[in-house]
Amino acid sequence: MITSPAFKGKRFAVLGLARSGAAAAEALLASGAEVIGWDRQPHAREPFEGRCRLIDPLELDLTGFAGVVVSPGVPLNTHPIGPHVWQYGLPVIGDIELFARARGSLPPHRVVGITGTNGKSTTTALVHHILQSAGVPSVMGGNIGEPILAQEPLPEGGVYVLELSSFQIDLTFSLDCDVAALTNITPDHLDRYADFAAYAAAKERLFQMQQGGTAIICDEDEPTRAIADRLVAAGRGMVRVKTGDLAAAGLAEGRSPSLAGPHNAQNAAVAVAICRHLGLTDAAIAQGLATYAGLPHRMERVCEAGGVTYINDSKATNAASAAPALAAFPPDPAVNGGAPRIHWIVGGLPKEDGLGACADHLGNVAAAYTVGEAGPMFAELLEGRVRVERCELISEAVRRAEAAARPGEVVLLSPACASYDQFRDYEKRGHHFRQMIGAITGCETSAPAGGGEERP
């Protein structure tokens, strides 16, 4: 794990002892800090019994504390922990801020921070894969994989590649990234922010924390262009990226099937810009692009059976992230006379009303299978535009789609909704879809390595 003498003898409270919170508590204890921990779940508190005091920080006088560490899932706009901590003049921080404070104790290294509404997980995993393929020591963490503090420090010259949600950035104040990158910004998570402008401002703070370094921004939407323009006006070192840069560099051909679709072309273009800035050659980058296996639940090719391809895109928890998946499979003149070929499983817990950008790609959809709490809404929106099957459960949708799909067509789970109506998180939803495909088709449906958390 990553530890630091900077924490020795200091007192921290940690609220939430699952995943990143548990890693933060372990790192602080190993660094010689005094830790007061708390989690509502007894099983999460159990590993810390007898090792630290277990008290809800809302019940504590926090005078003399160095800070309170919370999970990114804690809504600071409504949870009482914020006002309670701030009255003592203390920061509410996350595990990424602890990592930032520990950097001075690590061997010389570089940090890449990647944010955006959509695509940040794939971009992070792709950068990490390209670096590994090129023999550069690296780890990925933050909003993906293992918590960064739980991982072993890199040797000199290593690169920490961090996926950073807006919630994590809200809890971070001193992360000076050598490279900070932004994929895109579209409306999301407005239950946590006063408005869209506040959400975009949270993303922009990643660049405001940089003391130098380089900003890499895909400026293909108005909010990202505005951020890029402000950085230029401030005299910051910045690289503007376009999706078309991938083809212009001769890197579009030969990329892995896991990078299909226009959204993945954008992700790859950002990853290429990052890796070039880190000193990699285009030849090394091309090798990484060709061998990238993808992440579970993000345009994951589960299997092909009877000529039908099954795609698990459970991570598409809003319309903006589902639309590129629909765009990735246009009609093919060689398949069923160029008829629409996507059997789209859509629905869950809605984050928004309407189809959003998905409406632009309905010409690619042979049939829609609506599920979950949002199922009736999607059925009403889609009826008359595509064939609709009202299913409620993903298991029923998979059965109907498998029966209807013809060779050359695609069964696509890209729900455009959160999972919480029927599943604990998008990973459980995707795993259920994968299991159903295996049970019906007899395919081997094991997941690729990697993963993340359902955060913005």
Protein backbone atom coordinates (compact mmCIF):
# COMPACT_ATOMS: atom_id res chain seq x y z
CA MET A 1 0.00 0.00 0.00
CA ILE A 2 0.99 3.65 -0.29
CA THR A 3 1.98 5.24 3.02
CA SER A 4 3.59 8.52 4.02
CA PRO A 5 5.35 10.03 7.04
CA ALA A 6 3.25 13.13 6.31
CA PHE A 7 0.37 11.43 8.15
CA LYS A 8 2.31 10.24 11.20
CA GLY A 9 0.94 11.48 14.51
CA LYS A 10 -2.04 13.22 12.87
CA ARG A 11 -5.67 12.47 13.57
CA PHE A 12 -8.16 11.67 10.83
CA ALA A 13 -11.76 10.52 10.79
CA VAL A 14 -12.85 8.20 7.98
CA LEU A 15 -16.56 8.01 7.15
CA GLY A 16 -17.34 4.96 5.03
CA LEU A 17 -15.16 1.86 5.28
CA ALA A 18 -15.84 0.14 1.95
CA ARG A 19 -13.33 0.14 -0.93
CA SER A 20 -11.63 3.55 -1.02
CA GLY A 21 -12.53 4.34 2.59
CA ALA A 22 -11.08 1.07 3.87
CA ALA A 23 -7.92 1.63 1.81
CA ALA A 24 -7.59 5.16 3.20
CA ALA A 25 -7.99 3.94 6.77
CA GLU A 26 -5.42 1.17 6.26
CA ALA A 27 -2.90 3.56 4.68
CA LEU A 28 -3.33 6.09 7.48
CA LEU A 29 -2.93 3.45 10.18
CA ALA A 30 0.17 2.05 8.47
CA SER A 31 1.57 5.60 8.29
CA GLY A 32 1.25 6.07 12.05
CA ALA A 33 -1.86 8.26 12.03
CA GLU A 34 -4.62 8.09 14.62
CA VAL A 35 -7.82 6.98 12.87
CA ILE A 36 -11.44 7.20 13.97
CA GLY A 37 -13.54 5.16 11.56
CA TRP A 38 -17.22 4.66 10.94
CA ASP A 39 -19.57 2.84 8.59
CA ARG A 40 -23.26 2.11 8.98
CA GLN A 41 -22.65 -1.51 8.01
CA PRO A 42 -21.29 -3.74 10.83
CA HIS A 43 -19.41 -5.97 8.36
CA ALA A 44 -17.49 -2.93 7.07
CA ARG A 45 -16.51 -1.92 10.62
CA GLU A 46 -15.45 -5.42 11.63
CA PRO A 47 -11.91 -5.41 10.09
CA PHE A 48 -11.09 -2.28 12.12
CA GLU A 49 -12.37 -3.41 15.50
CA GLY A 50 -9.58 -3.16 18.09
CA ARG A 51 -7.36 -1.28 15.62
CA CYS A 52 -8.98 2.14 15.78
CA ARG A 53 -11.86 3.87 17.50
CA LEU A 54 -15.17 3.30 15.75
CA ILE A 55 -17.33 6.38 16.23
CA ASP A 56 -19.57 8.31 13.87
CA PRO A 57 -17.69 11.60 13.23
CA LEU A 58 -21.01 13.44 13.47
CA GLU A 59 -20.82 12.71 17.20
CA LEU A 60 -17.26 14.01 17.61
CA ASP A 61 -15.69 17.31 18.55
CA LEU A 62 -13.26 17.55 15.63
CA THR A 63 -10.94 20.10 17.16
CA GLY A 64 -7.35 19.07 16.42
CA PHE A 65 -8.20 16.74 13.54
CA ALA A 66 -6.24 17.00 10.28
CA GLY A 67 -9.29 16.20 8.17
CA VAL A 68 -12.27 13.95 7.59
CA VAL A 69 -12.08 11.42 4.77
CA VAL A 70 -15.38 10.48 3.10
CA SER A 71 -16.43 8.26 0.24
CA PRO A 72 -17.19 9.94 -3.09
CA GLY A 73 -20.67 8.47 -2.75
CA VAL A 74 -21.49 10.74 0.20
CA PRO A 75 -23.64 13.61 -1.18
CA LEU A 76 -22.03 16.72 0.26
CA ASN A 77 -24.98 18.83 -0.88
CA THR A 78 -27.35 17.01 1.50
CA HIS A 79 -25.33 14.98 4.02
CA PRO A 80 -24.77 16.60 7.44
CA ILE A 81 -21.08 15.64 7.52
CA GLY A 82 -20.12 18.70 5.47
CA PRO A 83 -21.53 21.41 7.75
CA HIS A 84 -20.34 19.49 10.81
CA VAL A 85 -16.73 19.37 9.57
CA TRP A 86 -16.62 22.86 8.09
CA GLN A 87 -17.62 24.49 11.38
CA TYR A 88 -14.23 23.38 12.70
CA GLY A 89 -12.45 24.89 9.70
CA LEU A 90 -11.46 21.43 8.46
CA PRO A 91 -11.53 20.02 4.93
CA VAL A 92 -13.73 17.14 3.84
CA ILE A 93 -11.35 15.09 1.70
CA GLY A 94 -11.16 11.79 -0.17
CA ASP A 95 -8.56 9.13 -0.78
CA ILE A 96 -7.23 10.97 -3.84
CA GLU A 97 -6.31 13.96 -1.66
CA LEU A 98 -4.45 11.61 0.67
CA PHE A 99 -2.58 10.23 -2.35
CA ALA A 100 -1.73 13.78 -3.41
CA ARG A 101 -0.30 14.51 0.05
CA ALA A 102 1.69 11.24 0.00
CA ARG A 103 3.39 11.94 -3.35
CA GLY A 104 6.40 13.60 -1.75
CA SER A 105 7.29 10.28 -0.12
CA LEU A 106 7.13 8.28 -3.36
CA PRO A 107 9.94 7.62 -5.85
CA PRO A 108 9.99 10.20 -8.69
CA HIS A 109 6.95 9.58 -10.85
CA ARG A 110 4.27 11.21 -12.97
CA VAL A 111 0.49 11.40 -12.48
CA VAL A 112 -2.15 11.41 -15.20
CA GLY A 113 -5.65 12.49 -14.14
CA ILE A 114 -8.55 11.77 -16.50
CA THR A 115 -12.09 13.08 -16.08
CA GLY A 116 -15.21 13.62 -18.18
CA THR A 117 -18.85 12.61 -18.14
CA ASN A 118 -18.39 9.65 -20.47
CA GLY A 119 -15.38 7.68 -21.63
CA LYS A 120 -13.05 8.30 -18.72
CA SER A 121 -12.90 4.65 -17.64
CA THR A 122 -12.01 3.39 -21.10
CA THR A 123 -9.51 6.21 -21.64
CA THR A 124 -7.86 5.49 -18.28
CA ALA A 125 -7.64 1.75 -18.90
CA LEU A 126 -6.36 2.32 -22.44
CA VAL A 127 -3.58 4.68 -21.31
CA HIS A 128 -2.59 2.17 -18.63
CA HIS A 129 -2.58 -0.66 -21.18
CA ILE A 130 -0.48 1.29 -23.70
CA LEU A 131 2.05 2.18 -21.00
CA GLN A 132 2.24 -1.43 -19.81
CA SER A 133 2.65 -2.65 -23.40
CA ALA A 134 5.53 -0.20 -23.84
CA GLY A 135 7.25 -1.41 -20.68
CA VAL A 136 6.51 1.72 -18.61
CA PRO A 137 5.68 0.89 -14.96
CA SER A 138 2.13 2.07 -14.27
CA VAL A 139 -0.95 1.46 -12.21
CA MET A 140 -4.50 2.69 -12.64
CA GLY A 141 -6.80 3.68 -9.82
CA GLY A 142 -9.20 6.30 -8.58
CA ASN A 143 -12.67 5.55 -9.95
CA ILE A 144 -11.50 2.31 -11.56
CA GLY A 145 -9.97 -0.90 -10.27
CA GLU A 146 -8.33 -1.05 -6.87
CA PRO A 147 -8.21 2.10 -4.70
CA ILE A 148 -4.95 3.89 -5.38
CA LEU A 149 -3.79 3.82 -1.74
CA ALA A 150 -4.18 0.03 -1.66
CA GLN A 151 -1.65 -0.42 -4.48
CA GLU A 152 2.09 -0.79 -4.19
CA PRO A 153 4.21 2.31 -4.91
CA LEU A 154 5.74 2.41 -8.37
CA PRO A 155 9.50 2.45 -8.95
CA GLU A 156 11.19 5.59 -10.21
CA GLY A 157 9.81 6.64 -13.58
CA GLY A 158 6.40 5.08 -12.98
CA VAL A 159 3.09 6.63 -14.03
CA TYR A 160 -0.05 6.69 -11.87
CA VAL A 161 -3.10 6.82 -14.15
CA LEU A 162 -6.18 8.04 -12.29
CA GLU A 163 -9.78 8.10 -13.40
CA LEU A 164 -11.39 10.96 -11.49
CA SER A 165 -15.12 11.52 -11.09
CA SER A 166 -16.49 14.94 -10.27
CA PHE A 167 -17.27 13.65 -6.77
CA GLN A 168 -13.62 12.68 -6.27
CA ILE A 169 -12.43 16.03 -7.57
CA ASP A 170 -14.79 17.73 -5.09
CA LEU A 171 -12.86 15.99 -2.30
CA THR A 172 -9.40 16.82 -3.68
CA PHE A 173 -7.47 20.06 -3.23
CA SER A 174 -3.77 19.50 -3.96
CA LEU A 175 -3.50 16.96 -6.80
CA ASP A 176 -1.00 18.50 -9.22
CA CYS A 177 -1.29 16.25 -12.28
CA ASP A 178 1.57 16.16 -14.75
CA VAL A 179 -1.11 15.53 -17.37
CA ALA A 180 -4.78 16.32 -16.76
CA ALA A 181 -7.28 15.25 -19.43
CA LEU A 182 -10.97 15.87 -20.13
CA THR A 183 -13.00 13.70 -22.52
CA ASN A 184 -16.36 15.50 -22.66
CA ILE A 185 -19.04 17.12 -20.47
CA THR A 186 -22.76 16.44 -20.80
CA PRO A 187 -25.54 16.91 -18.21
CA ASP A 188 -25.38 14.28 -15.47
CA HIS A 189 -25.66 13.94 -11.68
CA LEU A 190 -27.62 17.16 -11.32
CA ASP A 191 -29.05 15.84 -8.05
CA ARG A 192 -25.60 16.57 -6.56
CA TYR A 193 -25.03 20.02 -8.09
CA ALA A 194 -26.97 23.27 -8.13
CA ASP A 195 -27.02 23.23 -11.93
CA PHE A 196 -25.10 22.05 -14.97
CA ALA A 197 -22.64 24.94 -14.70
CA ALA A 198 -21.69 23.80 -11.19
CA TYR A 199 -21.17 20.24 -12.43
CA ALA A 200 -18.92 21.48 -15.27
CA ALA A 201 -17.01 23.65 -12.79
CA ALA A 202 -16.29 20.56 -10.70
CA LYS A 203 -14.61 18.96 -13.71
CA GLU A 204 -12.63 22.15 -14.41
CA ARG A 205 -11.11 22.11 -10.92
CA LEU A 206 -8.83 19.27 -12.03
CA PHE A 207 -6.96 21.81 -14.19
CA GLN A 208 -7.07 24.53 -11.55
CA MET A 209 -5.12 22.28 -9.19
CA GLN A 210 -2.26 21.94 -11.67
CA GLN A 211 0.82 24.02 -10.80
CA GLY A 212 2.27 23.45 -14.23
CA GLY A 213 1.82 20.32 -16.26
CA THR A 214 -0.21 19.95 -19.41
CA ALA A 215 -3.95 20.02 -19.97
CA ILE A 216 -5.39 17.78 -22.70
CA ILE A 217 -8.97 18.58 -23.65
CA CYS A 218 -11.21 17.03 -26.29
CA ASP A 219 -13.04 20.24 -27.13
CA GLU A 220 -15.90 18.80 -29.18
CA ASP A 221 -18.69 20.13 -26.97
CA GLU A 222 -19.38 23.66 -25.80
CA PRO A 223 -18.51 23.15 -22.09
CA THR A 224 -15.11 21.61 -22.89
CA ARG A 225 -14.37 24.34 -25.44
CA ALA A 226 -15.15 26.98 -22.82
CA ILE A 227 -12.74 25.37 -20.36
CA ALA A 228 -10.05 25.12 -23.03
CA ASP A 229 -10.51 28.76 -23.96
CA ARG A 230 -10.15 29.85 -20.33
CA LEU A 231 -6.94 27.84 -19.95
CA VAL A 232 -5.50 29.39 -23.10
CA ALA A 233 -6.42 32.87 -21.85
CA ALA A 234 -4.59 32.06 -18.59
CA GLY A 235 -1.46 31.11 -20.53
CA ARG A 236 -1.66 27.44 -19.62
CA GLY A 237 0.06 24.67 -21.54
CA MET A 238 -2.74 22.88 -23.34
CA VAL A 239 -3.41 20.41 -26.14
CA ARG A 240 -6.78 20.42 -27.92
CA VAL A 241 -7.91 17.01 -29.17
CA LYS A 242 -10.46 16.02 -31.83
CA THR A 243 -11.85 12.56 -32.56
CA GLY A 244 -10.54 12.91 -36.11
CA ASP A 245 -6.97 13.16 -34.80
CA LEU A 246 -6.88 9.37 -34.58
CA ALA A 247 -7.39 8.91 -38.32
CA ALA A 248 -5.13 11.86 -39.15
CA ALA A 249 -2.30 10.16 -37.28
CA GLY A 250 -2.89 6.88 -39.10
CA LEU A 251 -3.92 5.18 -35.86
CA ALA A 252 -7.62 4.55 -36.57
CA GLU A 253 -7.01 1.35 -38.55
CA GLY A 254 -5.83 -1.69 -36.67
CA ARG A 255 -7.29 -0.70 -33.31
CA SER A 256 -8.89 -3.40 -31.18
CA PRO A 257 -12.56 -4.34 -31.77
CA SER A 258 -13.06 -3.27 -28.15
CA LEU A 259 -12.53 0.30 -29.37
CA ALA A 260 -15.33 0.24 -31.94
CA GLY A 261 -17.64 3.20 -32.40
CA PRO A 262 -17.23 6.97 -32.54
CA HIS A 263 -17.17 7.36 -28.77
CA ASN A 264 -14.22 4.99 -28.52
CA ALA A 265 -12.49 6.90 -31.32
CA GLN A 266 -12.77 9.95 -29.05
CA ASN A 267 -11.45 7.97 -26.08
CA ALA A 268 -8.55 6.65 -28.14
CA ALA A 269 -7.71 10.11 -29.48
CA VAL A 270 -7.42 11.45 -25.93
CA ALA A 271 -5.37 8.42 -24.86
CA VAL A 272 -3.00 8.90 -27.82
CA ALA A 273 -2.45 12.56 -26.91
CA ILE A 274 -1.69 11.60 -23.30
CA CYS A 275 0.76 8.85 -24.27
CA ARG A 276 2.54 11.08 -26.77
CA HIS A 277 2.99 13.67 -24.06
CA LEU A 278 4.46 10.96 -21.82
CA GLY A 279 7.08 10.31 -24.49
CA LEU A 280 5.79 7.17 -26.20
CA THR A 281 6.28 6.67 -29.93
CA ASP A 282 3.36 6.21 -32.31
CA ALA A 283 4.58 2.67 -32.99
CA ALA A 284 4.32 1.79 -29.29
CA ILE A 285 0.94 3.48 -29.08
CA ALA A 286 -0.35 1.58 -32.16
CA GLN A 287 0.66 -1.72 -30.57
CA GLY A 288 -1.31 -0.85 -27.44
CA LEU A 289 -4.37 0.22 -29.44
CA ALA A 290 -4.34 -3.08 -31.33
CA THR A 291 -4.09 -5.28 -28.22
CA TYR A 292 -6.49 -3.50 -25.86
CA ALA A 293 -8.96 -6.06 -24.48
CA GLY A 294 -11.54 -3.61 -23.16
CA LEU A 295 -13.27 -3.34 -19.81
CA PRO A 296 -16.21 -5.26 -18.43
CA HIS A 297 -19.57 -3.58 -19.01
CA ARG A 298 -18.22 -1.01 -21.51
CA MET A 299 -18.98 -2.19 -25.06
CA GLU A 300 -17.85 -5.61 -23.84
CA ARG A 301 -18.21 -8.30 -26.49
CA VAL A 302 -19.67 -11.11 -24.41
CA CYS A 303 -19.72 -13.69 -27.21
CA GLU A 304 -20.94 -14.52 -30.69
CA ALA A 305 -23.49 -17.32 -31.09
CA GLY A 306 -25.34 -18.31 -34.22
CA GLY A 307 -23.83 -15.34 -36.02
CA VAL A 308 -25.31 -12.90 -33.46
CA THR A 309 -22.96 -10.69 -31.40
CA TYR A 310 -23.87 -9.97 -27.77
CA ILE A 311 -22.61 -6.68 -26.29
CA ASN A 312 -22.65 -5.74 -22.60
CA ASP A 313 -22.64 -1.94 -22.27
CA SER A 314 -24.20 -1.83 -18.80
CA LYS A 315 -21.93 1.10 -17.89
CA ALA A 316 -24.08 3.30 -20.17
CA THR A 317 -26.10 4.81 -17.33
CA ASN A 318 -27.38 7.85 -19.25
CA ALA A 319 -28.60 8.61 -22.77
CA ALA A 320 -25.39 10.41 -23.73
CA SER A 321 -23.31 7.28 -23.05
CA ALA A 322 -25.81 4.87 -24.67
CA ALA A 323 -26.05 6.87 -27.91
CA PRO A 324 -22.48 6.07 -29.09
CA ALA A 325 -23.19 2.36 -28.63
CA LEU A 326 -26.19 2.66 -30.94
CA ALA A 327 -24.04 4.58 -33.40
CA ALA A 328 -21.39 1.84 -33.42
CA PHE A 329 -23.54 -0.66 -35.35
CA PRO A 330 -25.09 0.98 -38.42
CA PRO A 331 -26.92 -1.10 -41.03
CA ASP A 332 -24.60 -3.19 -43.18
CA PRO A 333 -25.60 -3.77 -46.82
CA ALA A 334 -24.12 -7.27 -46.53
CA VAL A 335 -26.39 -8.15 -43.60
CA ASN A 336 -30.09 -8.73 -44.22
CA GLY A 337 -30.17 -6.27 -47.09
CA GLY A 338 -28.96 -3.36 -44.98
CA ALA A 339 -31.82 -3.56 -42.46
CA PRO A 340 -31.35 -2.18 -38.92
CA ARG A 341 -29.50 -4.77 -36.88
CA ILE A 342 -29.47 -3.75 -33.19
CA HIS A 343 -31.72 -5.46 -30.67
CA TRP A 344 -31.53 -2.82 -27.94
CA ILE A 345 -32.21 -3.65 -24.28
CA VAL A 346 -32.97 -0.31 -22.61
CA GLY A 347 -34.26 0.89 -19.24
CA GLY A 348 -33.60 0.88 -15.52
CA LEU A 349 -33.78 3.77 -13.08
CA PRO A 350 -34.08 6.91 -15.23
CA LYS A 351 -31.71 9.84 -14.79
CA GLU A 352 -33.52 12.03 -17.32
CA ASP A 353 -36.68 12.26 -19.40
CA GLY A 354 -36.58 11.51 -23.08
CA LEU A 355 -34.23 9.73 -25.44
CA GLY A 356 -31.57 12.44 -25.64
CA ALA A 357 -28.87 11.70 -28.19
CA CYS A 358 -30.17 8.13 -28.60
CA ALA A 359 -32.94 9.52 -30.83
CA ASP A 360 -30.34 10.29 -33.51
CA HIS A 361 -29.49 6.62 -33.99
CA LEU A 362 -32.85 4.83 -34.00
CA GLY A 363 -32.32 4.01 -37.67
CA ASN A 364 -29.80 1.42 -36.44
CA VAL A 365 -32.33 -0.30 -34.13
CA ALA A 366 -34.28 -3.35 -35.32
CA ALA A 367 -36.18 -3.69 -32.04
CA ALA A 368 -36.15 -2.27 -28.51
CA TYR A 369 -36.74 -4.37 -25.41
CA THR A 370 -37.75 -2.09 -22.53
CA VAL A 371 -37.00 -3.05 -18.93
CA GLY A 372 -37.09 -1.68 -15.40
CA GLU A 373 -38.75 1.37 -13.89
CA ALA A 374 -38.12 3.42 -17.04
CA GLY A 375 -39.44 0.69 -19.32
CA PRO A 376 -42.92 2.17 -19.83
CA MET A 377 -41.44 5.62 -20.54
CA PHE A 378 -39.07 4.24 -23.18
CA ALA A 379 -41.83 2.11 -24.70
CA GLU A 380 -44.04 5.18 -25.16
CA LEU A 381 -41.17 7.19 -26.64
CA LEU A 382 -40.13 4.44 -29.05
CA GLU A 383 -43.41 2.95 -30.23
CA GLY A 384 -44.10 3.98 -33.80
CA ARG A 385 -40.39 4.57 -34.42
CA VAL A 386 -39.01 1.06 -33.83
CA ARG A 387 -40.52 -2.29 -32.90
CA VAL A 388 -40.95 -2.40 -29.11
CA GLU A 389 -41.14 -5.39 -26.76
CA ARG A 390 -42.19 -4.53 -23.19
CA CYS A 391 -40.22 -6.96 -21.01
CA GLU A 392 -39.71 -5.48 -17.49
CA LEU A 393 -36.86 -7.91 -16.66
CA ILE A 394 -33.51 -8.20 -18.42
CA SER A 395 -33.82 -11.99 -18.42
CA GLU A 396 -37.03 -11.78 -20.46
CA ALA A 397 -35.49 -9.18 -22.79
CA VAL A 398 -32.50 -11.45 -23.46
CA ARG A 399 -34.76 -14.41 -24.26
CA ARG A 400 -36.88 -12.40 -26.68
CA ALA A 401 -33.89 -10.73 -28.34
CA GLU A 402 -32.06 -14.04 -28.79
CA ALA A 403 -35.13 -15.55 -30.42
CA ALA A 404 -35.56 -12.60 -32.81
CA ALA A 405 -31.95 -11.80 -33.77
CA ARG A 406 -30.59 -13.07 -37.10
CA PRO A 407 -26.99 -13.70 -38.14
CA GLY A 408 -25.06 -10.45 -38.48
CA GLU A 409 -27.23 -8.67 -35.92
CA VAL A 410 -26.35 -7.43 -32.44
CA VAL A 411 -28.04 -7.87 -29.06
CA LEU A 412 -27.00 -4.78 -27.12
CA LEU A 413 -27.53 -4.05 -23.42
CA SER A 414 -27.00 -0.28 -23.27
CA PRO A 415 -29.62 0.79 -20.72
CA ALA A 416 -29.29 4.62 -20.73
CA CYS A 417 -30.31 4.39 -17.05
CA ALA A 418 -28.89 3.71 -13.62
CA SER A 419 -29.23 0.20 -12.26
CA TYR A 420 -30.62 0.82 -8.80
CA ASP A 421 -34.23 -0.17 -9.52
CA GLN A 422 -33.26 -3.85 -9.87
CA PHE A 423 -29.50 -4.16 -9.24
CA ARG A 424 -26.95 -2.91 -6.72
CA ASP A 425 -24.79 -1.34 -9.44
CA TYR A 426 -24.13 -1.44 -13.16
CA GLU A 427 -21.60 -4.25 -12.64
CA LYS A 428 -24.22 -6.56 -11.12
CA ARG A 429 -26.57 -5.70 -13.99
CA GLY A 430 -23.91 -6.48 -16.59
CA HIS A 431 -22.94 -9.70 -14.83
CA HIS A 432 -26.60 -10.79 -14.85
CA PHE A 433 -26.81 -10.06 -18.58
CA ARG A 434 -23.62 -12.03 -19.19
CA GLN A 435 -24.98 -15.00 -17.20
CA MET A 436 -28.25 -14.95 -19.13
CA ILE A 437 -26.38 -14.97 -22.46
CA GLY A 438 -24.30 -17.92 -21.30
CA ALA A 439 -27.34 -19.85 -20.10
CA ILE A 440 -29.31 -19.31 -23.32
CA THR A 441 -26.53 -19.67 -25.91
CA GLY A 442 -24.08 -21.96 -24.14
CA CYS A 443 -21.27 -19.45 -24.78
CA GLU A 444 -18.31 -18.94 -22.47
CA THR A 445 -19.03 -15.51 -21.01
CA SER A 446 -16.22 -14.72 -18.57
CA ALA A 447 -15.40 -11.03 -18.13
CA PRO A 448 -12.20 -9.24 -19.15
CA ALA A 449 -10.02 -7.92 -16.35
CA GLY A 450 -10.69 -4.50 -14.89
CA GLY A 451 -13.73 -2.69 -13.65
CA GLY A 452 -14.90 0.40 -11.90
CA GLU A 453 -17.55 1.89 -9.71
CA GLU A 454 -20.83 3.55 -10.60
CA ARG A 455 -19.77 7.12 -10.04
CA PRO A 456 -19.94 10.10 -12.34
